[in-house]
Amino acid sequence: MSSKIFSAIKDLDIKDIASRAAWTAAQAFLAVLLFTAEPILDLLFSGDPTGLYALTITTVIAGAAAGLSAVKTILLSVIADIKQKSV
């Protein structure tokens, strides 16, 4: 069983995983950015440090979303590959 898992991991399409994770990160970043636009604009134009906190939170949420997307894509790819090799 472990040889099937290692074989499935070796066959992962890293470019597909990276592109899906990047797209998810961009979507999450833009979605959160819309909710935190005012503090970020205050940071840019008046130097209010609250905007930096909002921008940091936005970036962290986007990174977490990208990581979850990558993990999901990897798990689905490995499971599909193992099922295909078992048949």
Protein backbone atom coordinates (compact mmCIF):
# COMPACT_ATOMS: atom_id res chain seq x y z
CA MET A 1 0.00 0.00 0.00
CA SER A 2 2.77 2.46 0.86
CA SER A 3 4.43 1.90 -2.53
CA LYS A 4 1.17 2.96 -4.20
CA ILE A 5 1.10 6.13 -2.10
CA PHE A 6 4.73 7.00 -2.92
CA SER A 7 4.08 6.32 -6.59
CA ALA A 8 1.00 8.55 -6.51
CA ILE A 9 2.94 11.33 -4.82
CA LYS A 10 5.68 11.13 -7.46
CA ASP A 11 3.04 11.49 -10.20
CA LEU A 12 1.60 14.75 -8.83
CA ASP A 13 1.21 17.63 -11.28
CA ILE A 14 2.95 20.38 -9.30
CA LYS A 15 2.13 23.09 -11.87
CA ASP A 16 -1.58 22.31 -11.56
CA ILE A 17 -1.41 22.38 -7.77
CA ALA A 18 0.50 25.68 -7.77
CA SER A 19 -1.85 27.33 -10.25
CA ARG A 20 -4.93 26.27 -8.27
CA ALA A 21 -3.37 27.51 -5.03
CA ALA A 22 -2.37 30.83 -6.60
CA TRP A 23 -5.85 31.34 -8.02
CA THR A 24 -7.40 30.59 -4.62
CA ALA A 25 -4.98 32.99 -2.93
CA ALA A 26 -5.85 35.73 -5.41
CA GLN A 27 -9.58 35.20 -4.88
CA ALA A 28 -9.25 35.24 -1.09
CA PHE A 29 -6.97 38.29 -1.18
CA LEU A 30 -9.40 40.26 -3.35
CA ALA A 31 -12.44 39.20 -1.33
CA VAL A 32 -10.90 40.23 1.99
CA LEU A 33 -9.43 43.35 0.40
CA LEU A 34 -12.93 44.50 -0.50
CA PHE A 35 -13.96 44.31 3.15
CA THR A 36 -10.81 46.05 4.39
CA ALA A 37 -10.45 48.64 1.62
CA GLU A 38 -11.02 51.66 3.85
CA PRO A 39 -8.23 50.94 6.38
CA ILE A 40 -5.82 50.08 3.58
CA LEU A 41 -6.62 53.32 1.74
CA ASP A 42 -6.07 55.18 5.03
CA LEU A 43 -2.66 53.49 5.26
CA LEU A 44 -1.74 54.60 1.75
CA PHE A 45 -2.95 58.19 1.94
CA SER A 46 -2.78 59.22 5.58
CA GLY A 47 -0.28 56.79 7.09
CA ASP A 48 -2.77 55.22 9.51
CA PRO A 49 -1.10 52.03 10.90
CA THR A 50 -4.47 50.28 11.27
CA GLY A 51 -4.37 49.70 7.51
CA LEU A 52 -1.13 47.76 7.87
CA TYR A 53 -2.87 45.39 10.28
CA ALA A 54 -5.75 44.97 7.79
CA LEU A 55 -3.31 44.32 4.95
CA THR A 56 -1.44 41.75 7.06
CA ILE A 57 -4.67 39.93 7.92
CA THR A 58 -5.67 39.96 4.25
CA THR A 59 -2.35 38.43 3.21
CA VAL A 60 -2.47 35.78 5.95
CA ILE A 61 -6.00 34.74 4.97
CA ALA A 62 -4.98 34.51 1.31
CA GLY A 63 -1.97 32.38 2.22
CA ALA A 64 -4.06 30.06 4.38
CA ALA A 65 -6.59 29.67 1.59
CA ALA A 66 -3.81 28.82 -0.86
CA GLY A 67 -2.38 26.23 1.52
CA LEU A 68 -5.76 24.59 2.04
CA SER A 69 -6.33 24.54 -1.71
CA ALA A 70 -2.96 22.88 -2.30
CA VAL A 71 -3.59 20.24 0.38
CA LYS A 72 -7.03 19.46 -1.05
CA THR A 73 -5.68 19.17 -4.60
CA ILE A 74 -2.82 16.91 -3.47
CA LEU A 75 -5.13 14.63 -1.49
CA LEU A 76 -7.63 14.33 -4.34
CA SER A 77 -4.86 13.62 -6.85
CA VAL A 78 -3.22 10.96 -4.67
CA ILE A 79 -6.55 9.25 -3.92
CA ALA A 80 -7.55 9.25 -7.60
CA ASP A 81 -4.16 7.85 -8.61
CA ILE A 82 -4.33 5.08 -5.99
CA LYS A 83 -7.86 4.15 -7.10
CA GLN A 84 -6.77 4.05 -10.73
CA LYS A 85 -3.80 1.80 -9.97
CA SER A 86 -5.92 -0.52 -7.82
CA VAL A 87 -8.32 -1.33 -10.64
